[in-house]
PDB file of N, CA and C in Angstrom:
ATOM      1  N   MET A   1       4.033  -5.285  13.512  1.00  0.00           N
ATOM      2  CA  MET A   1       4.736  -5.056  12.260  1.00  0.00           C
ATOM      3  C   MET A   1       4.152  -3.825  11.597  1.00  0.00           C
ATOM      4  N   SER A   2       5.004  -3.052  10.988  1.00  0.00           N
ATOM      5  CA  SER A   2       4.560  -1.839  10.323  1.00  0.00           C
ATOM      6  C   SER A   2       5.274  -1.710   8.983  1.00  0.00           C
ATOM      7  N   PHE A   3       4.577  -1.156   8.008  1.00  0.00           N
ATOM      8  CA  PHE A   3       5.134  -0.996   6.671  1.00  0.00           C
ATOM      9  C   PHE A   3       6.363  -0.100   6.721  1.00  0.00           C
ATOM     10  N   ILE A   4       7.420  -0.483   6.013  1.00  0.00           N
ATOM     11  CA  ILE A   4       8.650   0.300   5.942  1.00  0.00           C
ATOM     12  C   ILE A   4       8.666   1.042   4.613  1.00  0.00           C
ATOM     13  N   TYR A   5       8.660   2.340   4.687  1.00  0.00           N
ATOM     14  CA  TYR A   5       8.629   3.180   3.497  1.00  0.00           C
ATOM     15  C   TYR A   5      10.044   3.437   2.997  1.00  0.00           C
ATOM     16  N   SER A   6      10.335   3.039   1.769  1.00  0.00           N
ATOM     17  CA  SER A   6      11.635   3.372   1.203  1.00  0.00           C
ATOM     18  C   SER A   6      11.657   4.864   0.894  1.00  0.00           C
ATOM     19  N   ASN A   7      12.826   5.479   1.041  1.00  0.00           N
ATOM     20  CA  ASN A   7      12.968   6.909   0.805  1.00  0.00           C
ATOM     21  C   ASN A   7      12.982   7.174  -0.691  1.00  0.00           C
ATOM     22  N   VAL A   8      12.034   7.954  -1.169  1.00  0.00           N
ATOM     23  CA  VAL A   8      11.951   8.248  -2.595  1.00  0.00           C
ATOM     24  C   VAL A   8      12.131   9.733  -2.894  1.00  0.00           C
ATOM     25  N   SER A   9      12.388  10.536  -1.870  1.00  0.00           N
ATOM     26  CA  SER A   9      12.577  11.965  -2.117  1.00  0.00           C
ATOM     27  C   SER A   9      13.895  12.178  -2.845  1.00  0.00           C
ATOM     28  N   SER A  10      13.966  13.252  -3.609  1.00  0.00           N
ATOM     29  CA  SER A  10      15.169  13.558  -4.377  1.00  0.00           C
ATOM     30  C   SER A  10      15.298  15.068  -4.527  1.00  0.00           C
ATOM     31  N   PRO A  11      16.446  15.547  -5.024  1.00  0.00           N
ATOM     32  CA  PRO A  11      16.611  16.985  -5.229  1.00  0.00           C
ATOM     33  C   PRO A  11      15.586  17.569  -6.200  1.00  0.00           C
ATOM     34  N   ARG A  12      15.012  16.722  -7.038  1.00  0.00           N
ATOM     35  CA  ARG A  12      14.020  17.193  -8.017  1.00  0.00           C
ATOM     36  C   ARG A  12      12.596  17.163  -7.483  1.00  0.00           C
ATOM     37  N   GLY A  13      12.438  16.745  -6.248  1.00  0.00           N
ATOM     38  CA  GLY A  13      11.106  16.698  -5.657  1.00  0.00           C
ATOM     39  C   GLY A  13      10.659  15.280  -5.391  1.00  0.00           C
ATOM     40  N   ALA A  14       9.389  15.121  -5.124  1.00  0.00           N
ATOM     41  CA  ALA A  14       8.837  13.830  -4.744  1.00  0.00           C
ATOM     42  C   ALA A  14       8.063  13.209  -5.899  1.00  0.00           C
ATOM     43  N   PRO A  15       8.090  11.879  -6.005  1.00  0.00           N
ATOM     44  CA  PRO A  15       7.251  11.236  -7.011  1.00  0.00           C
ATOM     45  C   PRO A  15       5.791  11.248  -6.570  1.00  0.00           C
ATOM     46  N   MET A  16       4.905  11.084  -7.516  1.00  0.00           N
ATOM     47  CA  MET A  16       3.480  11.009  -7.231  1.00  0.00           C
ATOM     48  C   MET A  16       3.142   9.570  -6.907  1.00  0.00           C
ATOM     49  N   GLY A  17       2.888   9.271  -5.642  1.00  0.00           N
ATOM     50  CA  GLY A  17       2.529   7.928  -5.221  1.00  0.00           C
ATOM     51  C   GLY A  17       3.682   6.951  -5.304  1.00  0.00           C
ATOM     52  N   ARG A  18       3.347   5.676  -5.279  1.00  0.00           N
ATOM     53  CA  ARG A  18       4.315   4.579  -5.356  1.00  0.00           C
ATOM     54  C   ARG A  18       3.727   3.492  -6.253  1.00  0.00           C
ATOM     55  N   PRO A  19       4.579   2.714  -6.906  1.00  0.00           N
ATOM     56  CA  PRO A  19       4.053   1.622  -7.736  1.00  0.00           C
ATOM     57  C   PRO A  19       3.574   0.460  -6.878  1.00  0.00           C
ATOM     58  N   ASP A  20       2.595  -0.268  -7.380  1.00  0.00           N
ATOM     59  CA  ASP A  20       2.136  -1.489  -6.730  1.00  0.00           C
ATOM     60  C   ASP A  20       3.019  -2.647  -7.173  1.00  0.00           C
ATOM     61  N   CYS A  21       3.269  -3.572  -6.271  1.00  0.00           N
ATOM     62  CA  CYS A  21       3.982  -4.819  -6.565  1.00  0.00           C
ATOM     63  C   CYS A  21       3.032  -5.944  -6.201  1.00  0.00           C
ATOM     64  N   TYR A  22       2.517  -6.653  -7.187  1.00  0.00           N
ATOM     65  CA  TYR A  22       1.501  -7.666  -6.957  1.00  0.00           C
ATOM     66  C   TYR A  22       2.055  -9.048  -6.663  1.00  0.00           C
ATOM     67  N   GLY A  23       3.330  -9.293  -6.861  1.00  0.00           N
ATOM     68  CA  GLY A  23       3.851 -10.649  -6.790  1.00  0.00           C
ATOM     69  C   GLY A  23       3.395 -11.407  -8.014  1.00  0.00           C
ATOM     70  N   ASP A  24       3.262 -12.717  -7.915  1.00  0.00           N
ATOM     71  CA  ASP A  24       2.865 -13.496  -9.099  1.00  0.00           C
ATOM     72  C   ASP A  24       1.363 -13.401  -9.381  1.00  0.00           C
ATOM     73  N   GLY A  25       0.601 -12.876  -8.447  1.00  0.00           N
ATOM     74  CA  GLY A  25      -0.816 -12.634  -8.678  1.00  0.00           C
ATOM     75  C   GLY A  25      -1.742 -13.818  -8.460  1.00  0.00           C
ATOM     76  N   VAL A  26      -1.190 -15.020  -8.248  1.00  0.00           N
ATOM     77  CA  VAL A  26      -2.051 -16.193  -8.080  1.00  0.00           C
ATOM     78  C   VAL A  26      -1.787 -16.972  -6.801  1.00  0.00           C
ATOM     79  N   SER A  27      -0.578 -16.910  -6.274  1.00  0.00           N
ATOM     80  CA  SER A  27      -0.266 -17.652  -5.047  1.00  0.00           C
ATOM     81  C   SER A  27      -1.070 -17.101  -3.877  1.00  0.00           C
ATOM     82  N   PRO A  28      -1.607 -17.984  -3.034  1.00  0.00           N
ATOM     83  CA  PRO A  28      -2.305 -17.490  -1.845  1.00  0.00           C
ATOM     84  C   PRO A  28      -1.344 -16.684  -0.971  1.00  0.00           C
ATOM     85  N   CYS A  29      -1.857 -15.655  -0.360  1.00  0.00           N
ATOM     86  CA  CYS A  29      -1.005 -14.854   0.521  1.00  0.00           C
ATOM     87  C   CYS A  29      -1.856 -14.217   1.613  1.00  0.00           C
ATOM     88  N   LYS A  30      -1.190 -13.901   2.691  1.00  0.00           N
ATOM     89  CA  LYS A  30      -1.823 -13.211   3.809  1.00  0.00           C
ATOM     90  C   LYS A  30      -1.084 -11.892   3.973  1.00  0.00           C
ATOM     91  N   LEU A  31      -1.835 -10.789   3.907  1.00  0.00           N
ATOM     92  CA  LEU A  31      -1.232  -9.457   3.903  1.00  0.00           C
ATOM     93  C   LEU A  31      -1.593  -8.665   5.148  1.00  0.00           C
ATOM     94  N   HIS A  32      -0.708  -7.791   5.515  1.00  0.00           N
ATOM     95  CA  HIS A  32      -0.990  -6.781   6.529  1.00  0.00           C
ATOM     96  C   HIS A  32      -1.692  -5.633   5.813  1.00  0.00           C
ATOM     97  N   LEU A  33      -2.583  -4.955   6.488  1.00  0.00           N
ATOM     98  CA  LEU A  33      -3.264  -3.804   5.909  1.00  0.00           C
ATOM     99  C   LEU A  33      -3.265  -2.690   6.938  1.00  0.00           C
ATOM    100  N   GLU A  34      -2.734  -1.540   6.554  1.00  0.00           N
ATOM    101  CA  GLU A  34      -2.727  -0.413   7.487  1.00  0.00           C
ATOM    102  C   GLU A  34      -2.981   0.885   6.734  1.00  0.00           C
ATOM    103  N   ARG A  35      -3.490   1.824   7.470  1.00  0.00           N
ATOM    104  CA  ARG A  35      -3.730   3.151   6.906  1.00  0.00           C
ATOM    105  C   ARG A  35      -2.414   3.897   6.830  1.00  0.00           C
ATOM    106  N   VAL A  36      -2.203   4.606   5.734  1.00  0.00           N
ATOM    107  CA  VAL A  36      -0.998   5.406   5.556  1.00  0.00           C
ATOM    108  C   VAL A  36      -1.201   6.727   6.284  1.00  0.00           C
ATOM    109  N   HIS A  37      -0.287   7.036   7.186  1.00  0.00           N
ATOM    110  CA  HIS A  37      -0.343   8.309   7.899  1.00  0.00           C
ATOM    111  C   HIS A  37       0.626   9.272   7.229  1.00  0.00           C
ATOM    112  N   PHE A  38       0.126  10.447   6.940  1.00  0.00           N
ATOM    113  CA  PHE A  38       0.914  11.419   6.192  1.00  0.00           C
ATOM    114  C   PHE A  38       1.725  12.328   7.107  1.00  0.00           C
ATOM    115  N   VAL A  39       2.842  12.790   6.576  1.00  0.00           N
ATOM    116  CA  VAL A  39       3.656  13.818   7.215  1.00  0.00           C
ATOM    117  C   VAL A  39       3.718  14.984   6.249  1.00  0.00           C
ATOM    118  N   ASP A  40       3.899  16.163   6.760  1.00  0.00           N
ATOM    119  CA  ASP A  40       3.955  17.361   5.904  1.00  0.00           C
ATOM    120  C   ASP A  40       2.757  17.445   4.966  1.00  0.00           C
ATOM    121  N   GLY A  41       1.596  17.122   5.453  1.00  0.00           N
ATOM    122  CA  GLY A  41       0.389  17.240   4.639  1.00  0.00           C
ATOM    123  C   GLY A  41       0.058  15.984   3.878  1.00  0.00           C
ATOM    124  N   ASP A  42       0.536  15.871   2.636  1.00  0.00           N
ATOM    125  CA  ASP A  42       0.117  14.794   1.751  1.00  0.00           C
ATOM    126  C   ASP A  42       1.256  13.865   1.325  1.00  0.00           C
ATOM    127  N   TYR A  43       2.303  13.745   2.136  1.00  0.00           N
ATOM    128  CA  TYR A  43       3.458  12.896   1.830  1.00  0.00           C
ATOM    129  C   TYR A  43       3.520  11.729   2.799  1.00  0.00           C
ATOM    130  N   ASP A  44       3.899  10.534   2.286  1.00  0.00           N
ATOM    131  CA  ASP A  44       4.083   9.421   3.207  1.00  0.00           C
ATOM    132  C   ASP A  44       5.446   9.539   3.878  1.00  0.00           C
ATOM    133  N   ARG A  45       5.755   8.640   4.799  1.00  0.00           N
ATOM    134  CA  ARG A  45       6.996   8.740   5.580  1.00  0.00           C
ATOM    135  C   ARG A  45       8.260   8.611   4.736  1.00  0.00           C
ATOM    136  N   GLY A  46       8.166   8.085   3.533  1.00  0.00           N
ATOM    137  CA  GLY A  46       9.318   7.950   2.648  1.00  0.00           C
ATOM    138  C   GLY A  46       9.444   9.065   1.635  1.00  0.00           C
ATOM    139  N   GLY A  47       8.521  10.027   1.666  1.00  0.00           N
ATOM    140  CA  GLY A  47       8.615  11.185   0.795  1.00  0.00           C
ATOM    141  C   GLY A  47       7.778  11.156  -0.467  1.00  0.00           C
ATOM    142  N   ALA A  48       6.974  10.126  -0.704  1.00  0.00           N
ATOM    143  CA  ALA A  48       6.109  10.083  -1.890  1.00  0.00           C
ATOM    144  C   ALA A  48       4.891  10.976  -1.657  1.00  0.00           C
ATOM    145  N   TYR A  49       4.511  11.716  -2.689  1.00  0.00           N
ATOM    146  CA  TYR A  49       3.367  12.621  -2.617  1.00  0.00           C
ATOM    147  C   TYR A  49       2.102  11.883  -3.054  1.00  0.00           C
ATOM    148  N   TRP A  50       1.032  12.015  -2.280  1.00  0.00           N
ATOM    149  CA  TRP A  50      -0.228  11.346  -2.581  1.00  0.00           C
ATOM    150  C   TRP A  50      -1.389  12.305  -2.790  1.00  0.00           C
ATOM    151  N   GLY A  51      -1.270  13.535  -2.377  1.00  0.00           N
ATOM    152  CA  GLY A  51      -2.403  14.441  -2.437  1.00  0.00           C
ATOM    153  C   GLY A  51      -3.369  14.145  -1.304  1.00  0.00           C
ATOM    154  N   SER A  52      -4.394  14.957  -1.197  1.00  0.00           N
ATOM    155  CA  SER A  52      -5.360  14.769  -0.117  1.00  0.00           C
ATOM    156  C   SER A  52      -6.597  14.073  -0.658  1.00  0.00           C
ATOM    157  N   GLY A  53      -7.477  13.707   0.239  1.00  0.00           N
ATOM    158  CA  GLY A  53      -8.723  13.068  -0.178  1.00  0.00           C
ATOM    159  C   GLY A  53      -9.065  11.897   0.714  1.00  0.00           C
ATOM    160  N   THR A  54      -9.667  10.898   0.107  1.00  0.00           N
ATOM    161  CA  THR A  54     -10.078   9.687   0.814  1.00  0.00           C
ATOM    162  C   THR A  54      -8.856   9.038   1.465  1.00  0.00           C
ATOM    163  N   PRO A  55      -9.001   8.431   2.644  1.00  0.00           N
ATOM    164  CA  PRO A  55      -7.856   7.792   3.293  1.00  0.00           C
ATOM    165  C   PRO A  55      -7.143   6.790   2.377  1.00  0.00           C
ATOM    166  N   LEU A  56      -5.838   6.686   2.567  1.00  0.00           N
ATOM    167  CA  LEU A  56      -4.998   5.788   1.779  1.00  0.00           C
ATOM    168  C   LEU A  56      -4.588   4.604   2.645  1.00  0.00           C
ATOM    169  N   TYR A  57      -4.650   3.400   2.082  1.00  0.00           N
ATOM    170  CA  TYR A  57      -4.251   2.184   2.777  1.00  0.00           C
ATOM    171  C   TYR A  57      -3.157   1.477   1.987  1.00  0.00           C
ATOM    172  N   VAL A  58      -2.297   0.757   2.701  1.00  0.00           N
ATOM    173  CA  VAL A  58      -1.281  -0.085   2.070  1.00  0.00           C
ATOM    174  C   VAL A  58      -1.465  -1.516   2.564  1.00  0.00           C
ATOM    175  N   ALA A  59      -1.485  -2.459   1.612  1.00  0.00           N
ATOM    176  CA  ALA A  59      -1.479  -3.887   1.921  1.00  0.00           C
ATOM    177  C   ALA A  59      -0.088  -4.385   1.573  1.00  0.00           C
ATOM    178  N   TYR A  60       0.531  -5.138   2.476  1.00  0.00           N
ATOM    179  CA  TYR A  60       1.900  -5.580   2.221  1.00  0.00           C
ATOM    180  C   TYR A  60       2.171  -6.936   2.845  1.00  0.00           C
ATOM    181  N   GLY A  61       3.118  -7.625   2.275  1.00  0.00           N
ATOM    182  CA  GLY A  61       3.511  -8.951   2.730  1.00  0.00           C
ATOM    183  C   GLY A  61       4.267  -9.616   1.608  1.00  0.00           C
ATOM    184  N   GLU A  62       4.173 -10.932   1.535  1.00  0.00           N
ATOM    185  CA  GLU A  62       4.811 -11.628   0.434  1.00  0.00           C
ATOM    186  C   GLU A  62       4.036 -12.880   0.085  1.00  0.00           C
ATOM    187  N   ASP A  63       4.113 -13.257  -1.207  1.00  0.00           N
ATOM    188  CA  ASP A  63       3.544 -14.531  -1.608  1.00  0.00           C
ATOM    189  C   ASP A  63       4.707 -15.523  -1.659  1.00  0.00           C
ATOM    190  N   ALA A  64       4.565 -16.604  -2.370  1.00  0.00           N
ATOM    191  CA  ALA A  64       5.599 -17.629  -2.402  1.00  0.00           C
ATOM    192  C   ALA A  64       6.914 -17.134  -2.991  1.00  0.00           C
ATOM    193  N   ASN A  65       6.876 -16.099  -3.787  1.00  0.00           N
ATOM    194  CA  ASN A  65       8.064 -15.686  -4.530  1.00  0.00           C
ATOM    195  C   ASN A  65       8.516 -14.242  -4.327  1.00  0.00           C
ATOM    196  N   GLU A  66       7.599 -13.319  -4.078  1.00  0.00           N
ATOM    197  CA  GLU A  66       7.943 -11.908  -4.147  1.00  0.00           C
ATOM    198  C   GLU A  66       7.259 -11.076  -3.060  1.00  0.00           C
ATOM    199  N   GLN A  67       7.805  -9.881  -2.860  1.00  0.00           N
ATOM    200  CA  GLN A  67       7.186  -8.896  -1.981  1.00  0.00           C
ATOM    201  C   GLN A  67       5.930  -8.345  -2.642  1.00  0.00           C
ATOM    202  N   ILE A  68       4.935  -8.046  -1.836  1.00  0.00           N
ATOM    203  CA  ILE A  68       3.695  -7.444  -2.321  1.00  0.00           C
ATOM    204  C   ILE A  68       3.499  -6.129  -1.589  1.00  0.00           C
ATOM    205  N   GLU A  69       3.230  -5.092  -2.352  1.00  0.00           N
ATOM    206  CA  GLU A  69       2.866  -3.773  -1.813  1.00  0.00           C
ATOM    207  C   GLU A  69       1.776  -3.228  -2.714  1.00  0.00           C
ATOM    208  N   MET A  70       0.610  -2.996  -2.142  1.00  0.00           N
ATOM    209  CA  MET A  70      -0.517  -2.473  -2.911  1.00  0.00           C
ATOM    210  C   MET A  70      -1.146  -1.315  -2.147  1.00  0.00           C
ATOM    211  N   PHE A  71      -1.400  -0.236  -2.853  1.00  0.00           N
ATOM    212  CA  PHE A  71      -1.983   0.967  -2.255  1.00  0.00           C
ATOM    213  C   PHE A  71      -3.376   1.177  -2.820  1.00  0.00           C
ATOM    214  N   THR A  72      -4.291   1.628  -1.957  1.00  0.00           N
ATOM    215  CA  THR A  72      -5.641   1.933  -2.419  1.00  0.00           C
ATOM    216  C   THR A  72      -6.258   3.009  -1.531  1.00  0.00           C
ATOM    217  N   ARG A  73      -7.143   3.768  -2.103  1.00  0.00           N
ATOM    218  CA  ARG A  73      -7.906   4.758  -1.333  1.00  0.00           C
ATOM    219  C   ARG A  73      -9.278   4.164  -1.040  1.00  0.00           C
ATOM    220  N   ALA A  74      -9.702   4.293   0.216  1.00  0.00           N
ATOM    221  CA  ALA A  74     -11.002   3.761   0.623  1.00  0.00           C
ATOM    222  C   ALA A  74     -11.461   4.492   1.871  1.00  0.00           C
ATOM    223  N   SER A  75     -12.752   4.546   2.054  1.00  0.00           N
ATOM    224  CA  SER A  75     -13.294   5.266   3.206  1.00  0.00           C
ATOM    225  C   SER A  75     -13.133   4.482   4.507  1.00  0.00           C
ATOM    226  N   THR A  76     -13.045   3.136   4.418  1.00  0.00           N
ATOM    227  CA  THR A  76     -12.887   2.301   5.614  1.00  0.00           C
ATOM    228  C   THR A  76     -11.891   1.181   5.340  1.00  0.00           C
ATOM    229  N   ARG A  77     -11.449   0.556   6.409  1.00  0.00           N
ATOM    230  CA  ARG A  77     -10.541  -0.597   6.289  1.00  0.00           C
ATOM    231  C   ARG A  77     -11.222  -1.739   5.530  1.00  0.00           C
ATOM    232  N   GLU A  78     -12.483  -1.990   5.831  1.00  0.00           N
ATOM    233  CA  GLU A  78     -13.219  -3.065   5.155  1.00  0.00           C
ATOM    234  C   GLU A  78     -13.345  -2.796   3.663  1.00  0.00           C
ATOM    235  N   ALA A  79     -13.599  -1.560   3.288  1.00  0.00           N
ATOM    236  CA  ALA A  79     -13.679  -1.200   1.866  1.00  0.00           C
ATOM    237  C   ALA A  79     -12.324  -1.376   1.196  1.00  0.00           C
ATOM    238  N   ALA A  80     -11.242  -1.057   1.904  1.00  0.00           N
ATOM    239  CA  ALA A  80      -9.893  -1.242   1.360  1.00  0.00           C
ATOM    240  C   ALA A  80      -9.625  -2.722   1.101  1.00  0.00           C
ATOM    241  N   LYS A  81     -10.054  -3.598   1.989  1.00  0.00           N
ATOM    242  CA  LYS A  81      -9.881  -5.042   1.794  1.00  0.00           C
ATOM    243  C   LYS A  81     -10.559  -5.499   0.506  1.00  0.00           C
ATOM    244  N   VAL A  82     -11.786  -5.060   0.310  1.00  0.00           N
ATOM    245  CA  VAL A  82     -12.540  -5.451  -0.885  1.00  0.00           C
ATOM    246  C   VAL A  82     -11.820  -4.977  -2.149  1.00  0.00           C
ATOM    247  N   LEU A  83     -11.325  -3.753  -2.141  1.00  0.00           N
ATOM    248  CA  LEU A  83     -10.631  -3.219  -3.314  1.00  0.00           C
ATOM    249  C   LEU A  83      -9.334  -3.986  -3.599  1.00  0.00           C
ATOM    250  N   ILE A  84      -8.580  -4.303  -2.571  1.00  0.00           N
ATOM    251  CA  ILE A  84      -7.347  -5.080  -2.756  1.00  0.00           C
ATOM    252  C   ILE A  84      -7.683  -6.464  -3.298  1.00  0.00           C
ATOM    253  N   GLN A  85      -8.696  -7.123  -2.740  1.00  0.00           N
ATOM    254  CA  GLN A  85      -9.078  -8.459  -3.196  1.00  0.00           C
ATOM    255  C   GLN A  85      -9.618  -8.453  -4.622  1.00  0.00           C
ATOM    256  N   SER A  86     -10.138  -7.328  -5.089  1.00  0.00           N
ATOM    257  CA  SER A  86     -10.609  -7.255  -6.473  1.00  0.00           C
ATOM    258  C   SER A  86      -9.436  -7.144  -7.451  1.00  0.00           C
ATOM    259  N   ARG A  87      -8.279  -6.729  -6.957  1.00  0.00           N
ATOM    260  CA  ARG A  87      -7.098  -6.574  -7.819  1.00  0.00           C
ATOM    261  C   ARG A  87      -6.149  -7.758  -7.751  1.00  0.00           C
ATOM    262  N   ARG A  88      -6.218  -8.536  -6.678  1.00  0.00           N
ATOM    263  CA  ARG A  88      -5.342  -9.709  -6.542  1.00  0.00           C
ATOM    264  C   ARG A  88      -6.115 -10.809  -5.832  1.00  0.00           C
ATOM    265  N   LYS A  89      -6.201 -11.936  -6.467  1.00  0.00           N
ATOM    266  CA  LYS A  89      -6.979 -13.061  -5.927  1.00  0.00           C
ATOM    267  C   LYS A  89      -6.192 -13.785  -4.835  1.00  0.00           C
ATOM    268  N   ASN A  90      -6.865 -14.619  -4.088  1.00  0.00           N
ATOM    269  CA  ASN A  90      -6.262 -15.457  -3.044  1.00  0.00           C
ATOM    270  C   ASN A  90      -5.600 -14.653  -1.928  1.00  0.00           C
ATOM    271  N   VAL A  91      -6.211 -13.533  -1.562  1.00  0.00           N
ATOM    272  CA  VAL A  91      -5.660 -12.684  -0.504  1.00  0.00           C
ATOM    273  C   VAL A  91      -6.508 -12.815   0.754  1.00  0.00           C
ATOM    274  N   ARG A  92      -5.816 -12.983   1.870  1.00  0.00           N
ATOM    275  CA  ARG A  92      -6.439 -12.869   3.189  1.00  0.00           C
ATOM    276  C   ARG A  92      -5.656 -11.812   3.957  1.00  0.00           C
ATOM    277  N   PHE A  93      -6.228 -11.358   5.053  1.00  0.00           N
ATOM    278  CA  PHE A  93      -5.584 -10.274   5.808  1.00  0.00           C
ATOM    279  C   PHE A  93      -5.390 -10.660   7.262  1.00  0.00           C
ATOM    280  N   TYR A  94      -4.286 -10.193   7.829  1.00  0.00           N
ATOM    281  CA  TYR A  94      -4.105 -10.277   9.283  1.00  0.00           C
ATOM    282  C   TYR A  94      -5.083  -9.312   9.913  1.00  0.00           C
ATOM    283  N   ARG A  95      -5.408  -9.492  11.172  1.00  0.00           N
ATOM    284  CA  ARG A  95      -6.318  -8.580  11.873  1.00  0.00           C
ATOM    285  C   ARG A  95      -5.695  -7.243  12.114  1.00  0.00           C
TER     286      ARG A  95
END
């Protein structure tokens, strides 16, 4: 499974990043976590601009009610897990 990037490019240019969707914030959930690979330098596959720097990760899945998409910058996958878990409780990750 791989994260599906919605197309956000427009005639006026690209937005800076993407919003996080936390779901209800309390339901236990198991998320996929993958590194975002950029195209054209600092843009994700859907056209959002992120700039350069520390690697970017996306955690995604769903809780009991809603889709979850959370982005974070971290030097390693393990560090990204810790940062995501600090922002939303009851999170586990697929391998």
